[in-house]
Amino acid sequence: MDFLEVGKIINTHGLRGDVKIVTWTDYPEDFEEIDKVYIKRKTGDEVLTITNVKYQKNNIIVKFKEIADINEAEKYKNLVVWADRGDLPELPEGAHYIADLIGLDIVDENGDQIGKLVDVFNTGANDIYDVNHASLKDAVVLFGKGCTGEIVSDQGLILTNHHCGYPQIQQHSTVEHDY
């Protein structure tokens, strides 16, 4: 199985064992499409079966078959929730899992390599893309609306100060490699 992090249990909800999850997906409704998630523990992976999903502000409330009450639910607070990539719905065109971006080359608008993508931090408003675990001054902020970076291919990212990188994408595009 190919596991992807999809969220984190941040609290209990009610007395019947529901848990509040902050989702790390762009599409929280994905939790309605999958039957089970995984919790990784030192003793091995634990499978949790989803029986109900509700929405509350920016989080979801999930009922798992294996968690009967609030006392059981307390044991899951602050644990990361994983899903098998094969169980997740297909991504829309142009969308990528962060796990697939880690390790890609980061290049500037001139094509010069400035590092590799080593981590992504979600701040709520924007994602911060960490290049070489350097410092925040080396991070790339605002990936999407406003577009300081564009994914050109599975070979790497191209960064630009130009709106959405269209000139740089066009510059690297050829008949054989139409970006």
C-alpha atoms as a PDB file:
ATOM      1  CA  MET A   1       0.000   0.000   0.000  1.00  0.00           C
ATOM      2  CA  ASP A   2       1.051   3.569  -0.688  1.00  0.00           C
ATOM      3  CA  PHE A   3       0.021   5.705   2.296  1.00  0.00           C
ATOM      4  CA  LEU A   4      -0.598   9.461   2.215  1.00  0.00           C
ATOM      5  CA  GLU A   5      -1.192  11.729   5.207  1.00  0.00           C
ATOM      6  CA  VAL A   6      -4.744  13.080   4.956  1.00  0.00           C
ATOM      7  CA  GLY A   7      -5.280  14.781   8.305  1.00  0.00           C
ATOM      8  CA  LYS A   8      -4.825  14.857  12.039  1.00  0.00           C
ATOM      9  CA  ILE A   9      -7.217  14.050  14.860  1.00  0.00           C
ATOM     10  CA  ILE A  10      -7.260  17.220  16.940  1.00  0.00           C
ATOM     11  CA  ASN A  11      -9.983  16.503  19.476  1.00  0.00           C
ATOM     12  CA  THR A  12     -12.946  14.432  20.505  1.00  0.00           C
ATOM     13  CA  HIS A  13     -16.503  15.476  19.652  1.00  0.00           C
ATOM     14  CA  GLY A  14     -19.370  14.440  21.869  1.00  0.00           C
ATOM     15  CA  LEU A  15     -19.706  11.432  24.136  1.00  0.00           C
ATOM     16  CA  ARG A  16     -20.189   8.732  21.459  1.00  0.00           C
ATOM     17  CA  GLY A  17     -16.588   8.591  20.262  1.00  0.00           C
ATOM     18  CA  ASP A  18     -16.645  10.955  17.302  1.00  0.00           C
ATOM     19  CA  VAL A  19     -13.378  12.760  16.571  1.00  0.00           C
ATOM     20  CA  LYS A  20     -12.590  16.146  15.046  1.00  0.00           C
ATOM     21  CA  ILE A  21     -10.098  15.970  12.190  1.00  0.00           C
ATOM     22  CA  VAL A  22      -8.273  18.819  10.503  1.00  0.00           C
ATOM     23  CA  THR A  23      -7.970  17.643   6.921  1.00  0.00           C
ATOM     24  CA  TRP A  24      -4.780  18.049   4.935  1.00  0.00           C
ATOM     25  CA  THR A  25      -6.521  17.578   1.619  1.00  0.00           C
ATOM     26  CA  ASP A  26      -7.916  20.249  -0.664  1.00  0.00           C
ATOM     27  CA  TYR A  27     -11.115  18.219  -0.784  1.00  0.00           C
ATOM     28  CA  PRO A  28     -12.433  17.275   2.704  1.00  0.00           C
ATOM     29  CA  GLU A  29     -15.319  15.468   1.017  1.00  0.00           C
ATOM     30  CA  ASP A  30     -12.758  12.797   0.047  1.00  0.00           C
ATOM     31  CA  PHE A  31     -13.400  11.315   3.491  1.00  0.00           C
ATOM     32  CA  GLU A  32     -16.922  10.444   2.301  1.00  0.00           C
ATOM     33  CA  GLU A  33     -15.429   8.416  -0.564  1.00  0.00           C
ATOM     34  CA  ILE A  34     -13.099   6.216   1.482  1.00  0.00           C
ATOM     35  CA  ASP A  35     -14.103   3.408   3.807  1.00  0.00           C
ATOM     36  CA  LYS A  36     -11.066   3.227   6.047  1.00  0.00           C
ATOM     37  CA  VAL A  37      -8.053   5.176   7.241  1.00  0.00           C
ATOM     38  CA  TYR A  38      -4.927   4.169   9.107  1.00  0.00           C
ATOM     39  CA  ILE A  39      -3.197   5.266  12.277  1.00  0.00           C
ATOM     40  CA  LYS A  40       0.500   4.450  12.437  1.00  0.00           C
ATOM     41  CA  ARG A  41       1.681   3.295  15.850  1.00  0.00           C
ATOM     42  CA  LYS A  42       4.931   1.789  17.087  1.00  0.00           C
ATOM     43  CA  THR A  43       3.120  -1.517  17.405  1.00  0.00           C
ATOM     44  CA  GLY A  44       1.905  -1.379  13.793  1.00  0.00           C
ATOM     45  CA  ASP A  45      -0.781   0.177  11.651  1.00  0.00           C
ATOM     46  CA  GLU A  46      -4.298   0.386  13.042  1.00  0.00           C
ATOM     47  CA  VAL A  47      -7.247   0.360  10.633  1.00  0.00           C
ATOM     48  CA  LEU A  48     -10.236   2.592  11.413  1.00  0.00           C
ATOM     49  CA  THR A  49     -13.496   2.154   9.501  1.00  0.00           C
ATOM     50  CA  ILE A  50     -15.348   5.376   8.654  1.00  0.00           C
ATOM     51  CA  THR A  51     -19.086   5.150   9.332  1.00  0.00           C
ATOM     52  CA  ASN A  52     -20.074   8.838   9.225  1.00  0.00           C
ATOM     53  CA  VAL A  53     -18.622  12.198   8.178  1.00  0.00           C
ATOM     54  CA  LYS A  54     -19.993  15.627   9.159  1.00  0.00           C
ATOM     55  CA  TYR A  55     -18.606  19.091   8.526  1.00  0.00           C
ATOM     56  CA  GLN A  56     -17.835  21.730  11.138  1.00  0.00           C
ATOM     57  CA  LYS A  57     -16.229  24.975   9.972  1.00  0.00           C
ATOM     58  CA  ASN A  58     -12.806  24.032   8.554  1.00  0.00           C
ATOM     59  CA  ASN A  59     -12.759  20.560  10.127  1.00  0.00           C
ATOM     60  CA  ILE A  60     -14.667  17.330   9.792  1.00  0.00           C
ATOM     61  CA  ILE A  61     -16.286  15.209  12.474  1.00  0.00           C
ATOM     62  CA  VAL A  62     -15.778  11.503  11.840  1.00  0.00           C
ATOM     63  CA  LYS A  63     -17.338   8.462  13.478  1.00  0.00           C
ATOM     64  CA  PHE A  64     -15.209   5.321  13.371  1.00  0.00           C
ATOM     65  CA  LYS A  65     -16.679   1.874  13.925  1.00  0.00           C
ATOM     66  CA  GLU A  66     -13.793   0.957  16.255  1.00  0.00           C
ATOM     67  CA  ILE A  67     -14.227   3.924  18.635  1.00  0.00           C
ATOM     68  CA  ALA A  68     -17.255   3.481  20.909  1.00  0.00           C
ATOM     69  CA  ASP A  69     -17.048   6.413  23.341  1.00  0.00           C
ATOM     70  CA  ILE A  70     -15.201   9.563  24.358  1.00  0.00           C
ATOM     71  CA  ASN A  71     -12.753   7.606  26.540  1.00  0.00           C
ATOM     72  CA  GLU A  72     -11.630   5.569  23.525  1.00  0.00           C
ATOM     73  CA  ALA A  73     -11.551   8.688  21.322  1.00  0.00           C
ATOM     74  CA  GLU A  74      -9.196  10.468  23.762  1.00  0.00           C
ATOM     75  CA  LYS A  75      -6.493   7.908  22.887  1.00  0.00           C
ATOM     76  CA  TYR A  76      -6.446   9.140  19.277  1.00  0.00           C
ATOM     77  CA  LYS A  77      -5.957  12.868  19.919  1.00  0.00           C
ATOM     78  CA  ASN A  78      -3.023  14.393  18.009  1.00  0.00           C
ATOM     79  CA  LEU A  79      -2.494  11.328  15.809  1.00  0.00           C
ATOM     80  CA  VAL A  80      -1.976  11.634  12.062  1.00  0.00           C
ATOM     81  CA  VAL A  81      -4.557   9.969   9.823  1.00  0.00           C
ATOM     82  CA  TRP A  82      -3.308   8.139   6.725  1.00  0.00           C
ATOM     83  CA  ALA A  83      -5.139   6.761   3.686  1.00  0.00           C
ATOM     84  CA  ASP A  84      -4.091   4.334   0.999  1.00  0.00           C
ATOM     85  CA  ARG A  85      -3.529   6.303  -2.215  1.00  0.00           C
ATOM     86  CA  GLY A  86      -5.539   3.669  -4.097  1.00  0.00           C
ATOM     87  CA  ASP A  87      -8.601   4.399  -1.931  1.00  0.00           C
ATOM     88  CA  LEU A  88      -8.586   8.143  -2.633  1.00  0.00           C
ATOM     89  CA  PRO A  89     -10.589   9.659  -5.491  1.00  0.00           C
ATOM     90  CA  GLU A  90      -8.681  10.624  -8.627  1.00  0.00           C
ATOM     91  CA  LEU A  91      -7.200  14.120  -8.522  1.00  0.00           C
ATOM     92  CA  PRO A  92      -8.413  16.778 -10.930  1.00  0.00           C
ATOM     93  CA  GLU A  93      -6.121  17.668 -13.819  1.00  0.00           C
ATOM     94  CA  GLY A  94      -3.235  19.840 -12.667  1.00  0.00           C
ATOM     95  CA  ALA A  95      -3.550  18.818  -9.000  1.00  0.00           C
ATOM     96  CA  HIS A  96      -0.729  16.978  -7.236  1.00  0.00           C
ATOM     97  CA  TYR A  97      -0.218  15.276  -3.905  1.00  0.00           C
ATOM     98  CA  ILE A  98       2.416  17.073  -1.846  1.00  0.00           C
ATOM     99  CA  ALA A  99       4.143  13.731  -1.295  1.00  0.00           C
ATOM    100  CA  ASP A 100       4.740  13.575  -5.053  1.00  0.00           C
ATOM    101  CA  LEU A 101       6.393  17.008  -5.076  1.00  0.00           C
ATOM    102  CA  ILE A 102       8.908  16.299  -2.312  1.00  0.00           C
ATOM    103  CA  GLY A 103      12.362  15.825  -3.824  1.00  0.00           C
ATOM    104  CA  LEU A 104      11.676  17.729  -7.040  1.00  0.00           C
ATOM    105  CA  ASP A 105      14.265  20.211  -8.278  1.00  0.00           C
ATOM    106  CA  ILE A 106      13.511  23.891  -7.737  1.00  0.00           C
ATOM    107  CA  VAL A 107      14.753  26.115 -10.544  1.00  0.00           C
ATOM    108  CA  ASP A 108      14.544  29.843 -11.107  1.00  0.00           C
ATOM    109  CA  GLU A 109      13.178  31.569 -14.197  1.00  0.00           C
ATOM    110  CA  ASN A 110      16.579  31.160 -15.868  1.00  0.00           C
ATOM    111  CA  GLY A 111      16.545  27.394 -15.353  1.00  0.00           C
ATOM    112  CA  ASP A 112      19.266  27.469 -12.687  1.00  0.00           C
ATOM    113  CA  GLN A 113      18.744  24.948  -9.902  1.00  0.00           C
ATOM    114  CA  ILE A 114      18.353  26.551  -6.487  1.00  0.00           C
ATOM    115  CA  GLY A 115      17.617  23.404  -4.528  1.00  0.00           C
ATOM    116  CA  LYS A 116      15.181  20.585  -3.930  1.00  0.00           C
ATOM    117  CA  LEU A 117      11.754  20.698  -2.326  1.00  0.00           C
ATOM    118  CA  VAL A 118      12.157  18.990   1.047  1.00  0.00           C
ATOM    119  CA  ASP A 119       8.947  19.823   2.899  1.00  0.00           C
ATOM    120  CA  VAL A 120       5.666  21.713   2.732  1.00  0.00           C
ATOM    121  CA  PHE A 121       4.051  23.472   5.685  1.00  0.00           C
ATOM    122  CA  ASN A 122       0.389  24.405   5.647  1.00  0.00           C
ATOM    123  CA  THR A 123      -0.165  27.716   7.411  1.00  0.00           C
ATOM    124  CA  GLY A 124      -3.886  27.815   6.783  1.00  0.00           C
ATOM    125  CA  ALA A 125      -3.787  30.722   4.354  1.00  0.00           C
ATOM    126  CA  ASN A 126      -0.978  29.437   2.120  1.00  0.00           C
ATOM    127  CA  ASP A 127       1.464  26.596   1.881  1.00  0.00           C
ATOM    128  CA  ILE A 128       5.145  27.242   2.515  1.00  0.00           C
ATOM    129  CA  TYR A 129       7.484  25.202   0.314  1.00  0.00           C
ATOM    130  CA  ASP A 130      10.783  24.491   2.079  1.00  0.00           C
ATOM    131  CA  VAL A 131      13.863  24.344  -0.107  1.00  0.00           C
ATOM    132  CA  ASN A 132      16.774  22.350   1.380  1.00  0.00           C
ATOM    133  CA  HIS A 133      15.647  22.892   5.023  1.00  0.00           C
ATOM    134  CA  ALA A 134      17.314  26.280   4.812  1.00  0.00           C
ATOM    135  CA  SER A 135      15.280  29.087   6.389  1.00  0.00           C
ATOM    136  CA  LEU A 136      11.967  30.813   5.834  1.00  0.00           C
ATOM    137  CA  LYS A 137      13.703  33.380   3.612  1.00  0.00           C
ATOM    138  CA  ASP A 138      14.447  30.492   1.214  1.00  0.00           C
ATOM    139  CA  ALA A 139      10.896  29.165   1.273  1.00  0.00           C
ATOM    140  CA  VAL A 140       8.413  29.630  -1.544  1.00  0.00           C
ATOM    141  CA  VAL A 141       5.104  31.099  -0.423  1.00  0.00           C
ATOM    142  CA  LEU A 142       1.781  31.395  -2.247  1.00  0.00           C
ATOM    143  CA  PHE A 143       1.490  28.478  -4.623  1.00  0.00           C
ATOM    144  CA  GLY A 144      -1.761  28.880  -6.494  1.00  0.00           C
ATOM    145  CA  LYS A 145      -3.717  32.150  -6.459  1.00  0.00           C
ATOM    146  CA  GLY A 146      -1.057  34.709  -7.218  1.00  0.00           C
ATOM    147  CA  CYS A 147       1.304  32.013  -8.492  1.00  0.00           C
ATOM    148  CA  THR A 148       4.907  32.535  -7.472  1.00  0.00           C
ATOM    149  CA  GLY A 149       5.560  29.008  -8.745  1.00  0.00           C
ATOM    150  CA  GLU A 150       4.250  26.618 -11.325  1.00  0.00           C
ATOM    151  CA  ILE A 151       4.626  22.867 -11.685  1.00  0.00           C
ATOM    152  CA  VAL A 152       6.110  22.393 -15.131  1.00  0.00           C
ATOM    153  CA  SER A 153       6.553  18.634 -15.102  1.00  0.00           C
ATOM    154  CA  ASP A 154       7.350  15.711 -12.855  1.00  0.00           C
ATOM    155  CA  GLN A 155      10.996  16.728 -13.334  1.00  0.00           C
ATOM    156  CA  GLY A 156      10.734  19.799 -11.126  1.00  0.00           C
ATOM    157  CA  LEU A 157       9.240  23.134 -10.280  1.00  0.00           C
ATOM    158  CA  ILE A 158       9.929  26.427 -11.932  1.00  0.00           C
ATOM    159  CA  LEU A 159       9.742  29.562  -9.815  1.00  0.00           C
ATOM    160  CA  THR A 160       8.940  32.948 -11.152  1.00  0.00           C
ATOM    161  CA  ASN A 161       8.104  36.459 -10.087  1.00  0.00           C
ATOM    162  CA  HIS A 162       5.891  36.791 -13.156  1.00  0.00           C
ATOM    163  CA  HIS A 163       2.179  36.199 -12.778  1.00  0.00           C
ATOM    164  CA  CYS A 164       1.556  32.456 -12.919  1.00  0.00           C
ATOM    165  CA  GLY A 165       4.777  31.743 -14.792  1.00  0.00           C
ATOM    166  CA  TYR A 166       3.259  31.675 -18.274  1.00  0.00           C
ATOM    167  CA  PRO A 167       6.319  33.214 -19.991  1.00  0.00           C
ATOM    168  CA  GLN A 168       8.648  30.708 -18.295  1.00  0.00           C
ATOM    169  CA  ILE A 169       6.427  27.746 -19.058  1.00  0.00           C
ATOM    170  CA  GLN A 170       6.194  28.830 -22.696  1.00  0.00           C
ATOM    171  CA  GLN A 171       9.990  29.279 -22.835  1.00  0.00           C
ATOM    172  CA  HIS A 172      10.534  25.644 -21.778  1.00  0.00           C
ATOM    173  CA  SER A 173       7.798  24.287 -24.018  1.00  0.00           C
ATOM    174  CA  THR A 174       8.612  22.584 -27.303  1.00  0.00           C
ATOM    175  CA  VAL A 175       6.603  20.568 -29.824  1.00  0.00           C
ATOM    176  CA  GLU A 176       7.904  17.378 -28.151  1.00  0.00           C
ATOM    177  CA  HIS A 177       7.351  18.660 -24.601  1.00  0.00           C
ATOM    178  CA  ASP A 178       4.204  20.769 -24.652  1.00  0.00           C
ATOM    179  CA  TYR A 179       3.808  22.269 -21.182  1.00  0.00           C
END
